[in-house]
Amino acid sequence: MSKSDETFNVNDSFPMMMCTCVKYMKESLNKRFRDAGFNVTNEQWIILVHLAQEDGISQQKLADRYDRSKVSALNLIQKLETGGYVIRRVDPDDRRANLVYLTDNGRLLLNKLIPLAKENITYMSREISMENMAVLKHIVKKITENIKT
């Protein structure tokens, strides 16, 4: 065993640190939503945000944008549909596919959640300069590109 192997601490590795960070970011946003009286998870939030950017997209395209399996995305969409926040309609160009749309209630919910999400970003990035945040974003994007290829 080499000296570097002996001193390797998996908890101090970048991947482990990122996993821990992401876990706490999700928990923080979920708590912020819950404390404000909204029964929405960070994963459902992401679906709502993607639909706000492009309403009426297929379940598959939504899953691809969210980088989740079609089944995982479908489960989230069904929960949001049960809550009255989204609606699915058959794609007129491909009857095998469904298009997902925000409802008026979904738009109202999103408008209430956006300030909470912004507060969460401000909270988690306190004492970090804008420049350092820009560098961090660049690095994380590059690592993601490296892994996906």
N, C-alpha and C. Protein backbone atom coordinates (compact mmCIF):
# COMPACT_ATOMS: atom_id res chain seq x y z
N MET A 1 0.85 -1.18 0.00
CA MET A 1 0.00 0.00 0.00
C MET A 1 0.89 1.24 0.00
N SER A 2 0.60 2.16 -0.88
CA SER A 2 1.43 3.36 -0.95
C SER A 2 1.05 4.34 0.16
N LYS A 3 1.92 5.29 0.38
CA LYS A 3 1.69 6.32 1.42
C LYS A 3 0.39 7.09 1.13
N SER A 4 0.14 7.40 -0.16
CA SER A 4 -1.06 8.17 -0.50
C SER A 4 -2.32 7.34 -0.25
N ASP A 5 -2.26 6.02 -0.43
CA ASP A 5 -3.41 5.16 -0.15
C ASP A 5 -3.71 5.13 1.34
N GLU A 6 -2.65 5.14 2.15
CA GLU A 6 -2.83 5.09 3.61
C GLU A 6 -3.49 6.35 4.14
N THR A 7 -3.25 7.48 3.52
CA THR A 7 -3.77 8.74 4.03
C THR A 7 -5.08 9.15 3.35
N PHE A 8 -5.54 8.36 2.40
CA PHE A 8 -6.77 8.69 1.70
C PHE A 8 -7.96 8.58 2.65
N ASN A 9 -8.70 9.65 2.75
CA ASN A 9 -9.90 9.67 3.58
C ASN A 9 -11.09 9.89 2.65
N VAL A 10 -11.89 8.87 2.48
CA VAL A 10 -13.00 8.94 1.54
C VAL A 10 -13.95 10.09 1.87
N ASN A 11 -14.11 10.40 3.13
CA ASN A 11 -15.01 11.49 3.52
C ASN A 11 -14.50 12.86 3.09
N ASP A 12 -13.19 12.97 2.85
CA ASP A 12 -12.62 14.22 2.36
C ASP A 12 -12.47 14.25 0.85
N SER A 13 -12.93 13.20 0.18
CA SER A 13 -12.84 13.18 -1.28
C SER A 13 -13.91 14.09 -1.87
N PHE A 14 -13.61 14.67 -3.01
CA PHE A 14 -14.56 15.58 -3.65
C PHE A 14 -15.92 14.92 -3.90
N PRO A 15 -15.96 13.68 -4.45
CA PRO A 15 -17.27 13.06 -4.68
C PRO A 15 -18.10 12.91 -3.40
N MET A 16 -17.46 12.50 -2.32
CA MET A 16 -18.19 12.33 -1.07
C MET A 16 -18.66 13.68 -0.52
N MET A 17 -17.80 14.68 -0.64
CA MET A 17 -18.18 16.02 -0.19
C MET A 17 -19.37 16.54 -1.00
N MET A 18 -19.37 16.30 -2.30
CA MET A 18 -20.48 16.74 -3.15
C MET A 18 -21.78 16.02 -2.78
N CYS A 19 -21.68 14.71 -2.54
CA CYS A 19 -22.86 13.94 -2.14
C CYS A 19 -23.46 14.49 -0.85
N THR A 20 -22.60 14.76 0.11
CA THR A 20 -23.06 15.31 1.38
C THR A 20 -23.67 16.69 1.18
N CYS A 21 -23.02 17.52 0.38
CA CYS A 21 -23.51 18.87 0.12
C CYS A 21 -24.89 18.83 -0.54
N VAL A 22 -25.03 18.01 -1.56
CA VAL A 22 -26.31 17.89 -2.28
C VAL A 22 -27.40 17.39 -1.33
N LYS A 23 -27.08 16.44 -0.50
CA LYS A 23 -28.04 15.92 0.48
C LYS A 23 -28.56 17.05 1.37
N TYR A 24 -27.63 17.86 1.89
CA TYR A 24 -28.05 18.95 2.77
C TYR A 24 -28.77 20.07 2.01
N MET A 25 -28.39 20.32 0.77
CA MET A 25 -29.11 21.32 -0.02
C MET A 25 -30.56 20.90 -0.23
N LYS A 26 -30.77 19.64 -0.57
CA LYS A 26 -32.14 19.12 -0.77
C LYS A 26 -32.94 19.20 0.51
N GLU A 27 -32.33 18.76 1.62
CA GLU A 27 -33.02 18.79 2.90
C GLU A 27 -33.38 20.22 3.31
N SER A 28 -32.48 21.15 3.05
CA SER A 28 -32.71 22.54 3.40
C SER A 28 -33.89 23.12 2.62
N LEU A 29 -33.94 22.84 1.33
CA LEU A 29 -35.05 23.34 0.51
C LEU A 29 -36.36 22.68 0.92
N ASN A 30 -36.34 21.37 1.13
CA ASN A 30 -37.55 20.67 1.56
C ASN A 30 -38.08 21.25 2.88
N LYS A 31 -37.18 21.52 3.81
CA LYS A 31 -37.58 22.08 5.11
C LYS A 31 -38.15 23.48 4.93
N ARG A 32 -37.52 24.27 4.10
CA ARG A 32 -37.99 25.64 3.88
C ARG A 32 -39.41 25.61 3.30
N PHE A 33 -39.65 24.74 2.33
CA PHE A 33 -41.00 24.60 1.76
C PHE A 33 -41.99 24.12 2.82
N ARG A 34 -41.59 23.09 3.56
CA ARG A 34 -42.46 22.50 4.59
C ARG A 34 -42.80 23.53 5.67
N ASP A 35 -41.78 24.26 6.14
CA ASP A 35 -42.00 25.26 7.19
C ASP A 35 -42.93 26.37 6.73
N ALA A 36 -42.97 26.63 5.44
CA ALA A 36 -43.87 27.65 4.89
C ALA A 36 -45.26 27.07 4.58
N GLY A 37 -45.44 25.78 4.86
CA GLY A 37 -46.76 25.17 4.70
C GLY A 37 -47.00 24.52 3.34
N PHE A 38 -45.94 24.28 2.58
CA PHE A 38 -46.10 23.67 1.26
C PHE A 38 -45.60 22.23 1.29
N ASN A 39 -46.45 21.34 0.83
CA ASN A 39 -46.11 19.92 0.79
C ASN A 39 -45.53 19.58 -0.59
N VAL A 40 -44.36 20.16 -0.85
CA VAL A 40 -43.67 19.97 -2.14
C VAL A 40 -42.23 19.62 -1.84
N THR A 41 -41.71 18.64 -2.56
CA THR A 41 -40.31 18.25 -2.38
C THR A 41 -39.44 18.99 -3.40
N ASN A 42 -38.14 18.96 -3.15
CA ASN A 42 -37.22 19.59 -4.09
C ASN A 42 -37.33 18.94 -5.47
N GLU A 43 -37.61 17.65 -5.54
CA GLU A 43 -37.74 16.98 -6.83
C GLU A 43 -38.99 17.45 -7.57
N GLN A 44 -40.08 17.63 -6.86
CA GLN A 44 -41.30 18.16 -7.48
C GLN A 44 -41.07 19.61 -7.92
N TRP A 45 -40.34 20.35 -7.12
CA TRP A 45 -39.99 21.73 -7.43
C TRP A 45 -39.28 21.80 -8.77
N ILE A 46 -38.34 20.90 -8.99
CA ILE A 46 -37.57 20.90 -10.24
C ILE A 46 -38.49 20.67 -11.43
N ILE A 47 -39.46 19.77 -11.29
CA ILE A 47 -40.43 19.52 -12.37
C ILE A 47 -41.22 20.81 -12.65
N LEU A 48 -41.68 21.47 -11.61
CA LEU A 48 -42.44 22.72 -11.78
C LEU A 48 -41.61 23.77 -12.49
N VAL A 49 -40.34 23.90 -12.11
CA VAL A 49 -39.46 24.90 -12.71
C VAL A 49 -39.25 24.60 -14.20
N HIS A 50 -39.02 23.33 -14.52
CA HIS A 50 -38.84 22.96 -15.93
C HIS A 50 -40.09 23.25 -16.75
N LEU A 51 -41.25 23.01 -16.17
CA LEU A 51 -42.50 23.30 -16.89
C LEU A 51 -42.72 24.80 -17.03
N ALA A 52 -42.28 25.57 -16.07
CA ALA A 52 -42.39 27.03 -16.18
C ALA A 52 -41.52 27.54 -17.32
N GLN A 53 -40.40 26.87 -17.55
CA GLN A 53 -39.51 27.27 -18.65
C GLN A 53 -40.05 26.83 -19.99
N GLU A 54 -40.70 25.67 -20.04
CA GLU A 54 -41.31 25.20 -21.28
C GLU A 54 -42.50 24.33 -20.93
N ASP A 55 -43.66 24.93 -20.99
CA ASP A 55 -44.90 24.23 -20.66
C ASP A 55 -45.32 23.36 -21.84
N GLY A 56 -45.97 22.26 -21.54
CA GLY A 56 -46.49 21.40 -22.59
C GLY A 56 -45.44 20.53 -23.24
N ILE A 57 -44.50 20.04 -22.46
CA ILE A 57 -43.47 19.14 -23.02
C ILE A 57 -43.81 17.70 -22.64
N SER A 58 -43.25 16.78 -23.37
CA SER A 58 -43.54 15.37 -23.13
C SER A 58 -42.94 14.92 -21.81
N GLN A 59 -43.52 13.86 -21.27
CA GLN A 59 -43.00 13.27 -20.04
C GLN A 59 -41.55 12.84 -20.25
N GLN A 60 -41.25 12.29 -21.44
CA GLN A 60 -39.89 11.83 -21.71
C GLN A 60 -38.91 13.00 -21.75
N LYS A 61 -39.30 14.09 -22.41
CA LYS A 61 -38.42 15.25 -22.48
C LYS A 61 -38.20 15.84 -21.08
N LEU A 62 -39.24 15.84 -20.28
CA LEU A 62 -39.14 16.32 -18.91
C LEU A 62 -38.18 15.43 -18.11
N ALA A 63 -38.29 14.13 -18.27
CA ALA A 63 -37.38 13.20 -17.60
C ALA A 63 -35.94 13.43 -18.05
N ASP A 64 -35.75 13.66 -19.35
CA ASP A 64 -34.40 13.90 -19.87
C ASP A 64 -33.81 15.19 -19.31
N ARG A 65 -34.60 16.24 -19.25
CA ARG A 65 -34.12 17.52 -18.72
C ARG A 65 -33.78 17.42 -17.24
N TYR A 66 -34.55 16.62 -16.55
CA TYR A 66 -34.39 16.44 -15.12
C TYR A 66 -33.31 15.39 -14.83
N ASP A 67 -32.89 14.71 -15.88
CA ASP A 67 -31.87 13.67 -15.79
C ASP A 67 -32.33 12.54 -14.87
N ARG A 68 -33.57 12.14 -15.06
CA ARG A 68 -34.16 11.05 -14.29
C ARG A 68 -34.75 10.03 -15.26
N SER A 69 -35.05 8.87 -14.74
CA SER A 69 -35.71 7.86 -15.56
C SER A 69 -37.13 8.31 -15.84
N LYS A 70 -37.70 7.75 -16.89
CA LYS A 70 -39.08 8.10 -17.24
C LYS A 70 -40.03 7.71 -16.10
N VAL A 71 -39.76 6.58 -15.47
CA VAL A 71 -40.61 6.11 -14.36
C VAL A 71 -40.52 7.07 -13.17
N SER A 72 -39.31 7.50 -12.83
CA SER A 72 -39.12 8.43 -11.72
C SER A 72 -39.85 9.75 -12.00
N ALA A 73 -39.69 10.27 -13.21
CA ALA A 73 -40.37 11.51 -13.58
C ALA A 73 -41.88 11.32 -13.55
N LEU A 74 -42.35 10.18 -14.04
CA LEU A 74 -43.79 9.91 -14.05
C LEU A 74 -44.36 9.91 -12.65
N ASN A 75 -43.65 9.31 -11.69
CA ASN A 75 -44.12 9.31 -10.30
C ASN A 75 -44.25 10.73 -9.75
N LEU A 76 -43.28 11.57 -10.04
CA LEU A 76 -43.33 12.96 -9.59
C LEU A 76 -44.48 13.71 -10.26
N ILE A 77 -44.64 13.49 -11.56
CA ILE A 77 -45.72 14.14 -12.31
C ILE A 77 -47.08 13.71 -11.76
N GLN A 78 -47.23 12.43 -11.47
CA GLN A 78 -48.50 11.94 -10.93
C GLN A 78 -48.82 12.59 -9.58
N LYS A 79 -47.81 12.75 -8.73
CA LYS A 79 -48.04 13.41 -7.43
C LYS A 79 -48.46 14.86 -7.62
N LEU A 80 -47.79 15.53 -8.56
CA LEU A 80 -48.15 16.93 -8.84
C LEU A 80 -49.54 17.01 -9.48
N GLU A 81 -49.89 16.04 -10.28
CA GLU A 81 -51.21 16.01 -10.90
C GLU A 81 -52.29 15.78 -9.85
N THR A 82 -52.02 14.88 -8.91
CA THR A 82 -52.96 14.62 -7.82
C THR A 82 -53.19 15.89 -6.99
N GLY A 83 -52.14 16.69 -6.83
CA GLY A 83 -52.25 17.95 -6.10
C GLY A 83 -52.91 19.06 -6.90
N GLY A 84 -53.16 18.82 -8.18
CA GLY A 84 -53.80 19.83 -9.02
C GLY A 84 -52.83 20.85 -9.59
N TYR A 85 -51.54 20.54 -9.60
CA TYR A 85 -50.53 21.50 -10.05
C TYR A 85 -50.11 21.31 -11.50
N VAL A 86 -50.31 20.11 -12.03
CA VAL A 86 -50.02 19.85 -13.44
C VAL A 86 -51.16 19.01 -14.02
N ILE A 87 -51.21 19.02 -15.32
CA ILE A 87 -52.18 18.18 -16.03
C ILE A 87 -51.47 17.55 -17.22
N ARG A 88 -51.85 16.31 -17.50
CA ARG A 88 -51.28 15.62 -18.66
C ARG A 88 -52.35 15.52 -19.74
N ARG A 89 -51.92 15.76 -20.96
CA ARG A 89 -52.81 15.63 -22.11
C ARG A 89 -52.12 14.79 -23.17
N VAL A 90 -52.90 14.04 -23.91
CA VAL A 90 -52.34 13.23 -24.98
C VAL A 90 -51.75 14.15 -26.05
N ASP A 91 -50.56 13.81 -26.50
CA ASP A 91 -49.88 14.57 -27.56
C ASP A 91 -50.64 14.34 -28.86
N PRO A 92 -51.16 15.41 -29.48
CA PRO A 92 -51.92 15.23 -30.72
C PRO A 92 -51.07 14.68 -31.87
N ASP A 93 -49.76 14.87 -31.80
CA ASP A 93 -48.87 14.37 -32.85
C ASP A 93 -48.40 12.94 -32.60
N ASP A 94 -48.52 12.47 -31.36
CA ASP A 94 -48.09 11.12 -31.02
C ASP A 94 -48.97 10.63 -29.87
N ARG A 95 -50.02 9.94 -30.21
CA ARG A 95 -51.02 9.51 -29.23
C ARG A 95 -50.45 8.60 -28.13
N ARG A 96 -49.23 8.08 -28.33
CA ARG A 96 -48.60 7.24 -27.30
C ARG A 96 -47.96 8.09 -26.21
N ALA A 97 -47.80 9.37 -26.46
CA ALA A 97 -47.10 10.25 -25.52
C ALA A 97 -48.06 11.22 -24.85
N ASN A 98 -47.68 11.64 -23.65
CA ASN A 98 -48.43 12.68 -22.93
C ASN A 98 -47.60 13.95 -22.85
N LEU A 99 -48.27 15.08 -22.95
CA LEU A 99 -47.65 16.38 -22.73
C LEU A 99 -48.06 16.85 -21.35
N VAL A 100 -47.15 17.50 -20.65
CA VAL A 100 -47.41 17.93 -19.27
C VAL A 100 -47.48 19.46 -19.25
N TYR A 101 -48.51 19.97 -18.58
CA TYR A 101 -48.73 21.41 -18.49
C TYR A 101 -48.92 21.81 -17.03
N LEU A 102 -48.46 23.01 -16.71
CA LEU A 102 -48.76 23.61 -15.40
C LEU A 102 -50.22 24.05 -15.41
N THR A 103 -50.91 23.84 -14.31
CA THR A 103 -52.25 24.37 -14.16
C THR A 103 -52.15 25.78 -13.55
N ASP A 104 -53.26 26.47 -13.47
CA ASP A 104 -53.24 27.77 -12.80
C ASP A 104 -52.77 27.63 -11.35
N ASN A 105 -53.22 26.56 -10.68
CA ASN A 105 -52.77 26.30 -9.30
C ASN A 105 -51.27 26.03 -9.26
N GLY A 106 -50.76 25.36 -10.28
CA GLY A 106 -49.33 25.10 -10.35
C GLY A 106 -48.54 26.38 -10.49
N ARG A 107 -49.04 27.30 -11.31
CA ARG A 107 -48.37 28.60 -11.48
C ARG A 107 -48.41 29.42 -10.19
N LEU A 108 -49.55 29.39 -9.51
CA LEU A 108 -49.65 30.09 -8.22
C LEU A 108 -48.68 29.50 -7.21
N LEU A 109 -48.62 28.18 -7.15
CA LEU A 109 -47.70 27.52 -6.24
C LEU A 109 -46.26 27.91 -6.56
N LEU A 110 -45.91 27.84 -7.82
CA LEU A 110 -44.55 28.17 -8.24
C LEU A 110 -44.19 29.59 -7.83
N ASN A 111 -45.11 30.53 -8.00
CA ASN A 111 -44.85 31.93 -7.62
C ASN A 111 -44.64 32.08 -6.11
N LYS A 112 -45.23 31.20 -5.33
CA LYS A 112 -45.02 31.23 -3.88
C LYS A 112 -43.70 30.54 -3.48
N LEU A 113 -43.31 29.55 -4.28
CA LEU A 113 -42.10 28.79 -3.95
C LEU A 113 -40.82 29.50 -4.39
N ILE A 114 -40.89 30.28 -5.46
CA ILE A 114 -39.69 30.94 -6.00
C ILE A 114 -38.98 31.79 -4.93
N PRO A 115 -39.70 32.64 -4.19
CA PRO A 115 -38.99 33.42 -3.16
C PRO A 115 -38.35 32.54 -2.09
N LEU A 116 -38.99 31.42 -1.76
CA LEU A 116 -38.42 30.51 -0.76
C LEU A 116 -37.15 29.85 -1.30
N ALA A 117 -37.16 29.48 -2.55
CA ALA A 117 -35.97 28.87 -3.16
C ALA A 117 -34.83 29.89 -3.23
N LYS A 118 -35.17 31.14 -3.56
CA LYS A 118 -34.15 32.19 -3.59
C LYS A 118 -33.57 32.44 -2.20
N GLU A 119 -34.43 32.43 -1.18
CA GLU A 119 -33.94 32.57 0.20
C GLU A 119 -32.98 31.44 0.54
N ASN A 120 -33.31 30.24 0.09
CA ASN A 120 -32.46 29.09 0.37
C ASN A 120 -31.10 29.23 -0.30
N ILE A 121 -31.08 29.72 -1.52
CA ILE A 121 -29.81 29.95 -2.23
C ILE A 121 -28.98 30.99 -1.49
N THR A 122 -29.62 32.06 -1.07
CA THR A 122 -28.92 33.11 -0.32
C THR A 122 -28.36 32.55 0.97
N TYR A 123 -29.16 31.75 1.67
CA TYR A 123 -28.73 31.16 2.94
C TYR A 123 -27.53 30.24 2.74
N MET A 124 -27.60 29.35 1.76
CA MET A 124 -26.53 28.37 1.61
C MET A 124 -25.27 28.96 1.01
N SER A 125 -25.37 30.12 0.37
CA SER A 125 -24.18 30.71 -0.24
C SER A 125 -23.66 31.93 0.53
N ARG A 126 -24.16 32.11 1.75
CA ARG A 126 -23.69 33.25 2.55
C ARG A 126 -22.18 33.10 2.79
N GLU A 127 -21.52 34.22 2.85
CA GLU A 127 -20.06 34.30 3.06
C GLU A 127 -19.26 33.70 1.91
N ILE A 128 -19.90 33.54 0.75
CA ILE A 128 -19.21 33.09 -0.46
C ILE A 128 -19.38 34.19 -1.50
N SER A 129 -18.28 34.66 -2.03
CA SER A 129 -18.35 35.76 -3.00
C SER A 129 -19.01 35.30 -4.30
N MET A 130 -19.53 36.27 -5.04
CA MET A 130 -20.12 35.98 -6.35
C MET A 130 -19.08 35.35 -7.27
N GLU A 131 -17.85 35.83 -7.17
CA GLU A 131 -16.77 35.31 -8.00
C GLU A 131 -16.51 33.84 -7.69
N ASN A 132 -16.44 33.52 -6.39
CA ASN A 132 -16.24 32.12 -6.01
C ASN A 132 -17.41 31.23 -6.43
N MET A 133 -18.62 31.77 -6.35
CA MET A 133 -19.79 31.00 -6.80
C MET A 133 -19.70 30.73 -8.30
N ALA A 134 -19.26 31.72 -9.05
CA ALA A 134 -19.12 31.55 -10.50
C ALA A 134 -18.08 30.48 -10.81
N VAL A 135 -16.96 30.50 -10.08
CA VAL A 135 -15.92 29.49 -10.28
C VAL A 135 -16.46 28.10 -9.91
N LEU A 136 -17.17 28.01 -8.80
CA LEU A 136 -17.74 26.73 -8.37
C LEU A 136 -18.69 26.18 -9.44
N LYS A 137 -19.56 27.02 -9.95
CA LYS A 137 -20.51 26.59 -10.98
C LYS A 137 -19.76 26.08 -12.21
N HIS A 138 -18.73 26.81 -12.60
CA HIS A 138 -17.93 26.41 -13.77
C HIS A 138 -17.30 25.04 -13.53
N ILE A 139 -16.73 24.84 -12.37
CA ILE A 139 -16.06 23.58 -12.05
C ILE A 139 -17.06 22.43 -12.03
N VAL A 140 -18.19 22.62 -11.39
CA VAL A 140 -19.19 21.55 -11.30
C VAL A 140 -19.73 21.21 -12.69
N LYS A 141 -19.96 22.22 -13.52
CA LYS A 141 -20.41 21.96 -14.90
C LYS A 141 -19.37 21.16 -15.67
N LYS A 142 -18.11 21.51 -15.51
CA LYS A 142 -17.03 20.81 -16.23
C LYS A 142 -16.92 19.36 -15.75
N ILE A 143 -17.01 19.15 -14.46
CA ILE A 143 -16.95 17.79 -13.93
C ILE A 143 -18.13 16.97 -14.48
N THR A 144 -19.29 17.58 -14.51
CA THR A 144 -20.48 16.89 -15.03
C THR A 144 -20.28 16.53 -16.50
N GLU A 145 -19.75 17.46 -17.29
CA GLU A 145 -19.46 17.19 -18.71
C GLU A 145 -18.47 16.05 -18.84
N ASN A 146 -17.42 16.07 -18.03
CA ASN A 146 -16.38 15.02 -18.09
C ASN A 146 -16.97 13.65 -17.80
N ILE A 147 -17.87 13.57 -16.84
CA ILE A 147 -18.44 12.29 -16.44
C ILE A 147 -19.44 11.80 -17.49
N LYS A 148 -20.24 12.70 -18.04
CA LYS A 148 -21.28 12.30 -18.99
C LYS A 148 -20.72 11.82 -20.32
N THR A 149 -19.49 12.21 -20.66
CA THR A 149 -18.94 11.83 -21.96
C THR A 149 -18.16 10.55 -21.90
